């Protein structure tokens, strides 16, 4: 995969370095000469390009027409939107990602502005805090569709609402599906008449907004 990263600050340099470690092709564009000097030493002259990432000419020099992903992660929201707009509508990059610096500008980061994925760090942190408060001991194994759904694991507490009840008797959240139950190191495929026992390890697919409701079914009752 060929990824162009615009913005060589802490976020951009870390992203570029991580992608290189994973074996991807990367081009990192940075407009500040003093930052570029450091990046040339820390990363590679072949990767780093001095220039304005919101310039079509610079993007062409970086190989934008061959890019699979364009990530605009500068410290300026306006610049990030210009980059993604060019990437999507001028150069038809398949996937665009933009960093949101000011949460008040988040509404601008949409597909009409050429943004496929907007990364709002403030919003992510707030959601993580709320999520951690709501899911208790539930473990998130995998996030799907940009975090919209998750595969989770939860141990059934001895005092949980579901203990002694069959799957068909439980009113699960609408967008949650049981995947499996580990009991005494054996996998049980849940069916309607499967009865929950204390300390079952339940694997489920759930919408992120309903994880808290699911956790409440398996957790201890207060």
C-alpha atoms as a PDB file:
ATOM      1  CA  UNK A   1       0.000   0.000   0.000  1.00  0.00           C
ATOM      2  CA  UNK A   2       1.260   3.491  -0.867  1.00  0.00           C
ATOM      3  CA  UNK A   3       0.350   6.184   1.653  1.00  0.00           C
ATOM      4  CA  UNK A   4       1.013   9.912   1.402  1.00  0.00           C
ATOM      5  CA  UNK A   5       1.089  11.724   4.743  1.00  0.00           C
ATOM      6  CA  UNK A   6       0.825  15.519   4.741  1.00  0.00           C
ATOM      7  CA  UNK A   7       2.163  17.056   7.943  1.00  0.00           C
ATOM      8  CA  UNK A   8       5.446  16.086   9.556  1.00  0.00           C
ATOM      9  CA  UNK A   9       4.693  16.968  13.162  1.00  0.00           C
ATOM     10  CA  UNK A  10       4.511  14.402  15.950  1.00  0.00           C
ATOM     11  CA  UNK A  11       1.363  12.779  14.550  1.00  0.00           C
ATOM     12  CA  UNK A  12       2.560  12.648  10.954  1.00  0.00           C
ATOM     13  CA  UNK A  13       6.085  11.473  11.717  1.00  0.00           C
ATOM     14  CA  UNK A  14       4.847   8.752  14.043  1.00  0.00           C
ATOM     15  CA  UNK A  15       2.280   7.604  11.477  1.00  0.00           C
ATOM     16  CA  UNK A  16       4.841   7.529   8.682  1.00  0.00           C
ATOM     17  CA  UNK A  17       7.352   5.619  10.790  1.00  0.00           C
ATOM     18  CA  UNK A  18       4.760   3.078  11.879  1.00  0.00           C
ATOM     19  CA  UNK A  19       3.580   2.481   8.317  1.00  0.00           C
ATOM     20  CA  UNK A  20       7.166   1.989   7.169  1.00  0.00           C
ATOM     21  CA  UNK A  21       7.711  -0.594   9.909  1.00  0.00           C
ATOM     22  CA  UNK A  22       4.654  -2.437   8.623  1.00  0.00           C
ATOM     23  CA  UNK A  23       6.210  -2.601   5.167  1.00  0.00           C
ATOM     24  CA  UNK A  24       4.150   0.043   3.365  1.00  0.00           C
ATOM     25  CA  UNK A  25       5.425   2.643   0.916  1.00  0.00           C
ATOM     26  CA  UNK A  26       5.207   6.133   2.416  1.00  0.00           C
ATOM     27  CA  UNK A  27       5.807   9.706   1.332  1.00  0.00           C
ATOM     28  CA  UNK A  28       5.801  12.335   4.095  1.00  0.00           C
ATOM     29  CA  UNK A  29       5.274  15.978   3.049  1.00  0.00           C
ATOM     30  CA  UNK A  30       6.270  18.810   5.407  1.00  0.00           C
ATOM     31  CA  UNK A  31       6.446  22.533   4.686  1.00  0.00           C
ATOM     32  CA  UNK A  32       8.736  23.635   7.557  1.00  0.00           C
ATOM     33  CA  UNK A  33      12.446  23.317   6.627  1.00  0.00           C
ATOM     34  CA  UNK A  34      13.606  22.889  10.227  1.00  0.00           C
ATOM     35  CA  UNK A  35      11.207  19.980  10.730  1.00  0.00           C
ATOM     36  CA  UNK A  36      12.277  18.433   7.437  1.00  0.00           C
ATOM     37  CA  UNK A  37      15.923  18.505   8.553  1.00  0.00           C
ATOM     38  CA  UNK A  38      15.024  16.415  11.583  1.00  0.00           C
ATOM     39  CA  UNK A  39      12.803  14.051   9.588  1.00  0.00           C
ATOM     40  CA  UNK A  40      15.563  13.436   7.055  1.00  0.00           C
ATOM     41  CA  UNK A  41      17.764  12.180   9.898  1.00  0.00           C
ATOM     42  CA  UNK A  42      15.073  10.208  11.722  1.00  0.00           C
ATOM     43  CA  UNK A  43      13.257   8.596   8.791  1.00  0.00           C
ATOM     44  CA  UNK A  44      14.763   8.655   5.299  1.00  0.00           C
ATOM     45  CA  UNK A  45      15.541  11.163   2.526  1.00  0.00           C
ATOM     46  CA  UNK A  46      13.597   8.920   0.151  1.00  0.00           C
ATOM     47  CA  UNK A  47      10.468   9.286   2.274  1.00  0.00           C
ATOM     48  CA  UNK A  48      10.494  12.971   3.237  1.00  0.00           C
ATOM     49  CA  UNK A  49       9.546  15.762   0.827  1.00  0.00           C
ATOM     50  CA  UNK A  50       9.879  19.479   1.594  1.00  0.00           C
ATOM     51  CA  UNK A  51       6.881  21.375   0.286  1.00  0.00           C
ATOM     52  CA  UNK A  52       3.319  22.567   0.762  1.00  0.00           C
ATOM     53  CA  UNK A  53       1.018  19.548   0.822  1.00  0.00           C
ATOM     54  CA  UNK A  54      -1.912  21.706  -0.264  1.00  0.00           C
ATOM     55  CA  UNK A  55      -0.143  22.425  -3.564  1.00  0.00           C
ATOM     56  CA  UNK A  56      -1.174  20.192  -6.497  1.00  0.00           C
ATOM     57  CA  UNK A  57       2.380  20.401  -7.851  1.00  0.00           C
ATOM     58  CA  UNK A  58       3.889  19.115  -4.597  1.00  0.00           C
ATOM     59  CA  UNK A  59       1.303  16.350  -4.375  1.00  0.00           C
ATOM     60  CA  UNK A  60       2.204  15.329  -7.917  1.00  0.00           C
ATOM     61  CA  UNK A  61       5.888  15.218  -6.950  1.00  0.00           C
ATOM     62  CA  UNK A  62       4.973  12.946  -4.048  1.00  0.00           C
ATOM     63  CA  UNK A  63       3.258  10.530  -6.440  1.00  0.00           C
ATOM     64  CA  UNK A  64      -0.338  11.307  -5.548  1.00  0.00           C
ATOM     65  CA  UNK A  65      -1.691   9.622  -8.687  1.00  0.00           C
ATOM     66  CA  UNK A  66      -0.379   6.278  -7.423  1.00  0.00           C
ATOM     67  CA  UNK A  67      -1.445   6.722  -3.790  1.00  0.00           C
ATOM     68  CA  UNK A  68      -3.861   4.311  -2.141  1.00  0.00           C
ATOM     69  CA  UNK A  69      -4.366   6.518   0.917  1.00  0.00           C
ATOM     70  CA  UNK A  70      -3.900  10.227   1.600  1.00  0.00           C
ATOM     71  CA  UNK A  71      -3.659  11.319   5.261  1.00  0.00           C
ATOM     72  CA  UNK A  72      -3.790  15.043   6.045  1.00  0.00           C
ATOM     73  CA  UNK A  73      -2.563  15.460   9.625  1.00  0.00           C
ATOM     74  CA  UNK A  74      -1.223  19.013   9.805  1.00  0.00           C
ATOM     75  CA  UNK A  75      -2.013  21.269  12.755  1.00  0.00           C
ATOM     76  CA  UNK A  76      -4.331  23.423  10.619  1.00  0.00           C
ATOM     77  CA  UNK A  77      -7.870  22.282   9.849  1.00  0.00           C
ATOM     78  CA  UNK A  78      -8.091  24.512   6.786  1.00  0.00           C
ATOM     79  CA  UNK A  79      -4.965  22.969   5.302  1.00  0.00           C
ATOM     80  CA  UNK A  80      -6.180  19.433   5.980  1.00  0.00           C
ATOM     81  CA  UNK A  81      -9.462  20.124   4.185  1.00  0.00           C
ATOM     82  CA  UNK A  82      -7.679  21.616   1.165  1.00  0.00           C
ATOM     83  CA  UNK A  83      -5.453  18.532   0.982  1.00  0.00           C
ATOM     84  CA  UNK A  84      -8.327  16.031   1.141  1.00  0.00           C
ATOM     85  CA  UNK A  85     -10.399  18.030  -1.353  1.00  0.00           C
ATOM     86  CA  UNK A  86      -7.533  17.958  -3.830  1.00  0.00           C
ATOM     87  CA  UNK A  87      -6.819  14.322  -3.138  1.00  0.00           C
ATOM     88  CA  UNK A  88     -10.380  13.195  -3.701  1.00  0.00           C
ATOM     89  CA  UNK A  89     -11.670  15.438  -6.483  1.00  0.00           C
ATOM     90  CA  UNK A  90      -8.498  16.350  -8.391  1.00  0.00           C
ATOM     91  CA  UNK A  91      -6.436  13.173  -8.060  1.00  0.00           C
ATOM     92  CA  UNK A  92      -9.143  10.612  -7.158  1.00  0.00           C
ATOM     93  CA  UNK A  93      -7.266   8.993  -4.269  1.00  0.00           C
ATOM     94  CA  UNK A  94      -9.285   5.933  -3.138  1.00  0.00           C
ATOM     95  CA  UNK A  95      -9.088   6.707   0.598  1.00  0.00           C
ATOM     96  CA  UNK A  96      -8.640  10.011   2.451  1.00  0.00           C
ATOM     97  CA  UNK A  97      -8.117  10.642   6.152  1.00  0.00           C
ATOM     98  CA  UNK A  98      -8.022  14.028   7.882  1.00  0.00           C
ATOM     99  CA  UNK A  99      -7.068  15.150  11.361  1.00  0.00           C
ATOM    100  CA  UNK A 100      -9.513  17.448  13.159  1.00  0.00           C
ATOM    101  CA  UNK A 101      -7.640  19.900  15.391  1.00  0.00           C
ATOM    102  CA  UNK A 102     -10.539  22.073  16.556  1.00  0.00           C
ATOM    103  CA  UNK A 103     -13.656  20.037  17.515  1.00  0.00           C
ATOM    104  CA  UNK A 104     -15.824  23.001  16.464  1.00  0.00           C
ATOM    105  CA  UNK A 105     -14.740  22.350  12.878  1.00  0.00           C
ATOM    106  CA  UNK A 106     -15.606  18.645  12.919  1.00  0.00           C
ATOM    107  CA  UNK A 107     -18.850  19.200  10.977  1.00  0.00           C
ATOM    108  CA  UNK A 108     -16.817  20.347   7.974  1.00  0.00           C
ATOM    109  CA  UNK A 109     -14.927  17.071   7.708  1.00  0.00           C
ATOM    110  CA  UNK A 110     -17.316  15.136   5.492  1.00  0.00           C
ATOM    111  CA  UNK A 111     -17.332  13.454   2.109  1.00  0.00           C
ATOM    112  CA  UNK A 112     -18.374  16.668   0.380  1.00  0.00           C
ATOM    113  CA  UNK A 113     -14.991  18.019   1.461  1.00  0.00           C
ATOM    114  CA  UNK A 114     -13.270  14.849   0.289  1.00  0.00           C
ATOM    115  CA  UNK A 115     -12.893  13.310   3.761  1.00  0.00           C
ATOM    116  CA  UNK A 116     -13.607   9.600   4.178  1.00  0.00           C
ATOM    117  CA  UNK A 117     -12.438   9.371   7.790  1.00  0.00           C
ATOM    118  CA  UNK A 118     -12.134  12.310  10.181  1.00  0.00           C
ATOM    119  CA  UNK A 119      -9.924  11.737  13.212  1.00  0.00           C
ATOM    120  CA  UNK A 120     -11.079  14.001  16.036  1.00  0.00           C
ATOM    121  CA  UNK A 121      -8.773  13.230  18.954  1.00  0.00           C
ATOM    122  CA  UNK A 122     -10.929  15.094  21.476  1.00  0.00           C
ATOM    123  CA  UNK A 123     -14.024  13.181  20.415  1.00  0.00           C
ATOM    124  CA  UNK A 124     -12.144   9.866  20.497  1.00  0.00           C
ATOM    125  CA  UNK A 125     -10.925  10.523  24.029  1.00  0.00           C
ATOM    126  CA  UNK A 126     -14.408  11.480  25.224  1.00  0.00           C
ATOM    127  CA  UNK A 127     -15.929   8.343  23.716  1.00  0.00           C
ATOM    128  CA  UNK A 128     -13.233   6.154  25.246  1.00  0.00           C
ATOM    129  CA  UNK A 129     -13.904   7.611  28.695  1.00  0.00           C
ATOM    130  CA  UNK A 130     -17.659   7.067  28.386  1.00  0.00           C
ATOM    131  CA  UNK A 131     -17.103   3.578  26.954  1.00  0.00           C
ATOM    132  CA  UNK A 132     -14.767   2.544  29.777  1.00  0.00           C
ATOM    133  CA  UNK A 133     -17.272   3.800  32.355  1.00  0.00           C
ATOM    134  CA  UNK A 134     -20.128   1.869  30.744  1.00  0.00           C
ATOM    135  CA  UNK A 135     -18.621  -1.531  29.898  1.00  0.00           C
ATOM    136  CA  UNK A 136     -17.022  -2.396  33.243  1.00  0.00           C
ATOM    137  CA  UNK A 137     -14.916  -5.562  32.861  1.00  0.00           C
ATOM    138  CA  UNK A 138     -15.997  -6.231  29.271  1.00  0.00           C
ATOM    139  CA  UNK A 139     -13.047  -6.584  26.903  1.00  0.00           C
ATOM    140  CA  UNK A 140     -13.171  -5.229  23.361  1.00  0.00           C
ATOM    141  CA  UNK A 141     -11.380  -7.708  21.107  1.00  0.00           C
ATOM    142  CA  UNK A 142     -11.850  -6.124  17.669  1.00  0.00           C
ATOM    143  CA  UNK A 143     -13.377  -2.902  16.367  1.00  0.00           C
ATOM    144  CA  UNK A 144     -15.162  -3.006  13.002  1.00  0.00           C
ATOM    145  CA  UNK A 145     -16.360  -0.397  10.510  1.00  0.00           C
ATOM    146  CA  UNK A 146     -14.267   2.412  11.997  1.00  0.00           C
ATOM    147  CA  UNK A 147     -15.378   1.542  15.509  1.00  0.00           C
ATOM    148  CA  UNK A 148     -19.121   1.390  14.798  1.00  0.00           C
ATOM    149  CA  UNK A 149     -19.241  -2.275  15.863  1.00  0.00           C
ATOM    150  CA  UNK A 150     -17.061  -4.316  18.201  1.00  0.00           C
ATOM    151  CA  UNK A 151     -16.456  -7.959  19.001  1.00  0.00           C
ATOM    152  CA  UNK A 152     -16.430  -8.151  22.789  1.00  0.00           C
ATOM    153  CA  UNK A 153     -15.754 -10.701  25.505  1.00  0.00           C
ATOM    154  CA  UNK A 154     -17.436 -10.727  28.917  1.00  0.00           C
ATOM    155  CA  UNK A 155     -17.419 -13.159  31.824  1.00  0.00           C
ATOM    156  CA  UNK A 156     -20.873 -13.879  33.245  1.00  0.00           C
ATOM    157  CA  UNK A 157     -21.001 -12.856  36.890  1.00  0.00           C
ATOM    158  CA  UNK A 158     -22.551 -15.348  39.341  1.00  0.00           C
ATOM    159  CA  UNK A 159     -25.223 -12.741  40.165  1.00  0.00           C
ATOM    160  CA  UNK A 160     -25.901 -11.664  36.580  1.00  0.00           C
ATOM    161  CA  UNK A 161     -29.428 -11.352  35.199  1.00  0.00           C
ATOM    162  CA  UNK A 162     -28.804 -14.033  32.572  1.00  0.00           C
ATOM    163  CA  UNK A 163     -27.656 -16.830  34.928  1.00  0.00           C
ATOM    164  CA  UNK A 164     -29.985 -19.824  34.743  1.00  0.00           C
ATOM    165  CA  UNK A 165     -31.867 -18.407  31.766  1.00  0.00           C
ATOM    166  CA  UNK A 166     -31.907 -19.598  28.175  1.00  0.00           C
ATOM    167  CA  UNK A 167     -30.725 -17.405  25.343  1.00  0.00           C
ATOM    168  CA  UNK A 168     -34.269 -17.187  23.965  1.00  0.00           C
ATOM    169  CA  UNK A 169     -35.503 -15.758  27.270  1.00  0.00           C
ATOM    170  CA  UNK A 170     -33.100 -12.818  27.243  1.00  0.00           C
ATOM    171  CA  UNK A 171     -33.974  -9.488  25.650  1.00  0.00           C
ATOM    172  CA  UNK A 172     -30.643  -8.550  24.085  1.00  0.00           C
ATOM    173  CA  UNK A 173     -29.979  -5.102  22.599  1.00  0.00           C
ATOM    174  CA  UNK A 174     -31.241  -4.931  19.027  1.00  0.00           C
ATOM    175  CA  UNK A 175     -27.853  -4.692  17.314  1.00  0.00           C
ATOM    176  CA  UNK A 176     -26.075  -7.389  19.340  1.00  0.00           C
ATOM    177  CA  UNK A 177     -25.459 -10.987  18.307  1.00  0.00           C
ATOM    178  CA  UNK A 178     -23.973 -13.818  20.365  1.00  0.00           C
ATOM    179  CA  UNK A 179     -21.010 -15.480  18.647  1.00  0.00           C
ATOM    180  CA  UNK A 180     -19.911 -18.115  21.136  1.00  0.00           C
ATOM    181  CA  UNK A 181     -19.614 -19.153  24.777  1.00  0.00           C
ATOM    182  CA  UNK A 182     -16.470 -20.625  26.316  1.00  0.00           C
ATOM    183  CA  UNK A 183     -17.325 -22.939  29.209  1.00  0.00           C
ATOM    184  CA  UNK A 184     -14.688 -25.067  30.946  1.00  0.00           C
ATOM    185  CA  UNK A 185     -12.337 -24.485  28.010  1.00  0.00           C
ATOM    186  CA  UNK A 186     -14.963 -25.800  25.586  1.00  0.00           C
ATOM    187  CA  UNK A 187     -16.682 -23.737  22.890  1.00  0.00           C
ATOM    188  CA  UNK A 188     -20.474 -23.750  23.055  1.00  0.00           C
ATOM    189  CA  UNK A 189     -22.328 -22.464  20.002  1.00  0.00           C
ATOM    190  CA  UNK A 190     -25.263 -20.512  21.498  1.00  0.00           C
ATOM    191  CA  UNK A 191     -28.734 -21.635  20.496  1.00  0.00           C
ATOM    192  CA  UNK A 192     -32.134 -20.612  21.756  1.00  0.00           C
ATOM    193  CA  UNK A 193     -32.180 -23.232  24.517  1.00  0.00           C
ATOM    194  CA  UNK A 194     -28.581 -22.657  25.664  1.00  0.00           C
ATOM    195  CA  UNK A 195     -28.639 -21.744  29.358  1.00  0.00           C
ATOM    196  CA  UNK A 196     -26.135 -19.268  30.771  1.00  0.00           C
ATOM    197  CA  UNK A 197     -23.994 -20.463  33.665  1.00  0.00           C
ATOM    198  CA  UNK A 198     -21.852 -18.448  36.093  1.00  0.00           C
ATOM    199  CA  UNK A 199     -18.395 -17.603  34.744  1.00  0.00           C
ATOM    200  CA  UNK A 200     -19.249 -18.375  31.124  1.00  0.00           C
ATOM    201  CA  UNK A 201     -16.998 -16.391  28.780  1.00  0.00           C
ATOM    202  CA  UNK A 202     -19.355 -14.842  26.230  1.00  0.00           C
ATOM    203  CA  UNK A 203     -18.198 -13.575  22.827  1.00  0.00           C
ATOM    204  CA  UNK A 204     -20.589 -11.183  21.086  1.00  0.00           C
ATOM    205  CA  UNK A 205     -20.802  -8.759  18.180  1.00  0.00           C
ATOM    206  CA  UNK A 206     -22.359  -5.475  19.273  1.00  0.00           C
ATOM    207  CA  UNK A 207     -22.999  -1.952  18.087  1.00  0.00           C
ATOM    208  CA  UNK A 208     -20.713   0.365  20.030  1.00  0.00           C
ATOM    209  CA  UNK A 209     -23.640   2.382  21.400  1.00  0.00           C
ATOM    210  CA  UNK A 210     -25.190  -0.775  22.870  1.00  0.00           C
ATOM    211  CA  UNK A 211     -22.105  -2.283  24.517  1.00  0.00           C
ATOM    212  CA  UNK A 212     -23.072  -0.806  27.857  1.00  0.00           C
ATOM    213  CA  UNK A 213     -26.527  -2.434  27.731  1.00  0.00           C
ATOM    214  CA  UNK A 214     -24.964  -5.772  26.838  1.00  0.00           C
ATOM    215  CA  UNK A 215     -22.434  -5.509  29.676  1.00  0.00           C
ATOM    216  CA  UNK A 216     -25.259  -4.861  32.151  1.00  0.00           C
ATOM    217  CA  UNK A 217     -26.828  -8.244  31.331  1.00  0.00           C
ATOM    218  CA  UNK A 218     -23.667 -10.162  32.173  1.00  0.00           C
ATOM    219  CA  UNK A 219     -22.392  -8.084  35.091  1.00  0.00           C
ATOM    220  CA  UNK A 220     -23.164  -8.252  38.814  1.00  0.00           C
ATOM    221  CA  UNK A 221     -26.416  -6.607  39.858  1.00  0.00           C
ATOM    222  CA  UNK A 222     -26.027  -3.632  42.170  1.00  0.00           C
END
